[in-house]
């Protein structure tokens, strides 16, 4: 299986109207989204959803997108973006 850490992700806070918490999605897989009460929980749930999706694609004989394939950037840029996102989201959980 591909290295899950290589896939860039997007994470955003959910409004109270959306149920609160955080939403995670993977641009390379339009069908992979998940959420959680915290950034860490959303990330864990997202990785589980990503792993399940990759396994299903492989079992069905469908191609698995390469990390960063949906973005117009280099693989190194997607790793940098993923790293920045995962390390810089603590401020979202800090109350004002």
C-alpha atoms as a PDB file:
ATOM      1  CA  UNK A   1       0.000   0.000   0.000  1.00  0.00           C
ATOM      2  CA  UNK A   2       1.138   3.527  -0.674  1.00  0.00           C
ATOM      3  CA  UNK A   3       2.496   5.565   2.206  1.00  0.00           C
ATOM      4  CA  UNK A   4      -0.575   7.273   3.674  1.00  0.00           C
ATOM      5  CA  UNK A   5       1.552  10.130   5.030  1.00  0.00           C
ATOM      6  CA  UNK A   6       2.452  11.126   1.470  1.00  0.00           C
ATOM      7  CA  UNK A   7      -1.141  12.081   0.633  1.00  0.00           C
ATOM      8  CA  UNK A   8      -1.909  15.771   1.179  1.00  0.00           C
ATOM      9  CA  UNK A   9      -5.028  16.594   3.145  1.00  0.00           C
ATOM     10  CA  UNK A  10      -7.152  19.573   3.983  1.00  0.00           C
ATOM     11  CA  UNK A  11      -8.655  20.101   7.394  1.00  0.00           C
ATOM     12  CA  UNK A  12     -11.061  22.793   8.503  1.00  0.00           C
ATOM     13  CA  UNK A  13     -13.162  23.583  11.539  1.00  0.00           C
ATOM     14  CA  UNK A  14     -16.856  22.805  11.245  1.00  0.00           C
ATOM     15  CA  UNK A  15     -19.316  25.488  12.288  1.00  0.00           C
ATOM     16  CA  UNK A  16     -21.786  24.856  15.086  1.00  0.00           C
ATOM     17  CA  UNK A  17     -24.470  24.539  12.399  1.00  0.00           C
ATOM     18  CA  UNK A  18     -22.409  21.740  10.804  1.00  0.00           C
ATOM     19  CA  UNK A  19     -22.077  19.947  14.123  1.00  0.00           C
ATOM     20  CA  UNK A  20     -18.735  21.349  15.327  1.00  0.00           C
ATOM     21  CA  UNK A  21     -15.380  19.615  15.340  1.00  0.00           C
ATOM     22  CA  UNK A  22     -13.150  19.334  12.286  1.00  0.00           C
ATOM     23  CA  UNK A  23     -13.558  17.986   8.752  1.00  0.00           C
ATOM     24  CA  UNK A  24     -10.688  16.321   6.890  1.00  0.00           C
ATOM     25  CA  UNK A  25     -10.570  15.574   3.177  1.00  0.00           C
ATOM     26  CA  UNK A  26      -7.977  14.277   0.742  1.00  0.00           C
ATOM     27  CA  UNK A  27      -7.821  16.152  -2.588  1.00  0.00           C
ATOM     28  CA  UNK A  28      -6.525  13.064  -4.393  1.00  0.00           C
ATOM     29  CA  UNK A  29      -9.694  11.148  -3.401  1.00  0.00           C
ATOM     30  CA  UNK A  30     -12.947  13.048  -3.771  1.00  0.00           C
ATOM     31  CA  UNK A  31     -14.764  10.244  -1.929  1.00  0.00           C
ATOM     32  CA  UNK A  32     -12.601  10.382   1.244  1.00  0.00           C
ATOM     33  CA  UNK A  33     -13.849  12.688   3.989  1.00  0.00           C
ATOM     34  CA  UNK A  34     -14.123  12.253   7.717  1.00  0.00           C
ATOM     35  CA  UNK A  35     -14.450  14.315  10.859  1.00  0.00           C
ATOM     36  CA  UNK A  36     -13.666  14.362  14.543  1.00  0.00           C
ATOM     37  CA  UNK A  37     -14.089  16.419  17.680  1.00  0.00           C
ATOM     38  CA  UNK A  38     -10.395  17.433  17.562  1.00  0.00           C
ATOM     39  CA  UNK A  39      -7.796  17.823  14.825  1.00  0.00           C
ATOM     40  CA  UNK A  40      -6.114  14.652  16.054  1.00  0.00           C
ATOM     41  CA  UNK A  41      -9.356  12.652  15.983  1.00  0.00           C
ATOM     42  CA  UNK A  42     -10.262  13.969  12.512  1.00  0.00           C
ATOM     43  CA  UNK A  43      -6.770  13.072  11.268  1.00  0.00           C
ATOM     44  CA  UNK A  44      -6.978   9.548  12.706  1.00  0.00           C
ATOM     45  CA  UNK A  45     -10.465   9.024  11.271  1.00  0.00           C
ATOM     46  CA  UNK A  46      -9.358  10.457   7.920  1.00  0.00           C
ATOM     47  CA  UNK A  47      -6.378   8.109   7.701  1.00  0.00           C
ATOM     48  CA  UNK A  48      -8.682   5.156   8.434  1.00  0.00           C
ATOM     49  CA  UNK A  49     -11.051   6.291   5.663  1.00  0.00           C
ATOM     50  CA  UNK A  50      -8.123   6.791   3.275  1.00  0.00           C
ATOM     51  CA  UNK A  51      -6.707   3.333   4.019  1.00  0.00           C
ATOM     52  CA  UNK A  52     -10.124   1.703   3.548  1.00  0.00           C
ATOM     53  CA  UNK A  53     -10.639   3.524   0.239  1.00  0.00           C
ATOM     54  CA  UNK A  54      -7.214   2.526  -1.101  1.00  0.00           C
ATOM     55  CA  UNK A  55      -7.805  -1.114  -0.146  1.00  0.00           C
ATOM     56  CA  UNK A  56     -11.232  -1.081  -1.831  1.00  0.00           C
ATOM     57  CA  UNK A  57      -9.816   0.458  -5.022  1.00  0.00           C
ATOM     58  CA  UNK A  58      -7.066  -2.155  -5.109  1.00  0.00           C
ATOM     59  CA  UNK A  59      -9.474  -5.043  -4.479  1.00  0.00           C
ATOM     60  CA  UNK A  60     -11.774  -3.820  -7.270  1.00  0.00           C
ATOM     61  CA  UNK A  61      -8.887  -3.359  -9.679  1.00  0.00           C
ATOM     62  CA  UNK A  62      -9.209   0.418  -9.920  1.00  0.00           C
ATOM     63  CA  UNK A  63      -6.143   2.650 -10.088  1.00  0.00           C
ATOM     64  CA  UNK A  64      -5.000   4.316  -6.866  1.00  0.00           C
ATOM     65  CA  UNK A  65      -4.095   7.981  -7.333  1.00  0.00           C
ATOM     66  CA  UNK A  66      -0.516   8.935  -6.624  1.00  0.00           C
ATOM     67  CA  UNK A  67       0.040  11.344  -3.723  1.00  0.00           C
ATOM     68  CA  UNK A  68      -0.458  14.930  -4.839  1.00  0.00           C
ATOM     69  CA  UNK A  69      -1.870  13.901  -8.221  1.00  0.00           C
ATOM     70  CA  UNK A  70      -4.861  16.221  -7.922  1.00  0.00           C
ATOM     71  CA  UNK A  71      -2.722  19.215  -7.104  1.00  0.00           C
ATOM     72  CA  UNK A  72      -0.619  21.218  -9.467  1.00  0.00           C
ATOM     73  CA  UNK A  73       2.478  20.882  -7.302  1.00  0.00           C
ATOM     74  CA  UNK A  74       5.496  18.681  -6.822  1.00  0.00           C
ATOM     75  CA  UNK A  75       5.530  15.745  -4.422  1.00  0.00           C
ATOM     76  CA  UNK A  76       7.889  17.714  -2.164  1.00  0.00           C
ATOM     77  CA  UNK A  77       5.405  20.609  -2.075  1.00  0.00           C
ATOM     78  CA  UNK A  78       2.587  18.270  -1.037  1.00  0.00           C
ATOM     79  CA  UNK A  79       4.717  16.803   1.754  1.00  0.00           C
ATOM     80  CA  UNK A  80       5.593  20.315   2.893  1.00  0.00           C
ATOM     81  CA  UNK A  81       1.913  21.334   2.813  1.00  0.00           C
ATOM     82  CA  UNK A  82       0.875  18.246   4.776  1.00  0.00           C
ATOM     83  CA  UNK A  83       3.582  18.895   7.341  1.00  0.00           C
ATOM     84  CA  UNK A  84       2.612  22.555   7.693  1.00  0.00           C
ATOM     85  CA  UNK A  85      -1.051  21.682   8.081  1.00  0.00           C
ATOM     86  CA  UNK A  86      -0.488  19.003  10.674  1.00  0.00           C
ATOM     87  CA  UNK A  87       1.905  21.099  12.762  1.00  0.00           C
ATOM     88  CA  UNK A  88       0.150  24.439  12.453  1.00  0.00           C
ATOM     89  CA  UNK A  89      -3.411  23.628  13.444  1.00  0.00           C
ATOM     90  CA  UNK A  90      -2.997  23.863  17.207  1.00  0.00           C
ATOM     91  CA  UNK A  91      -4.144  27.474  17.062  1.00  0.00           C
ATOM     92  CA  UNK A  92      -7.555  26.325  15.815  1.00  0.00           C
ATOM     93  CA  UNK A  93      -8.228  24.478  19.053  1.00  0.00           C
ATOM     94  CA  UNK A  94      -7.119  27.287  21.362  1.00  0.00           C
ATOM     95  CA  UNK A  95     -10.092  29.299  22.627  1.00  0.00           C
ATOM     96  CA  UNK A  96      -9.825  33.039  21.919  1.00  0.00           C
END
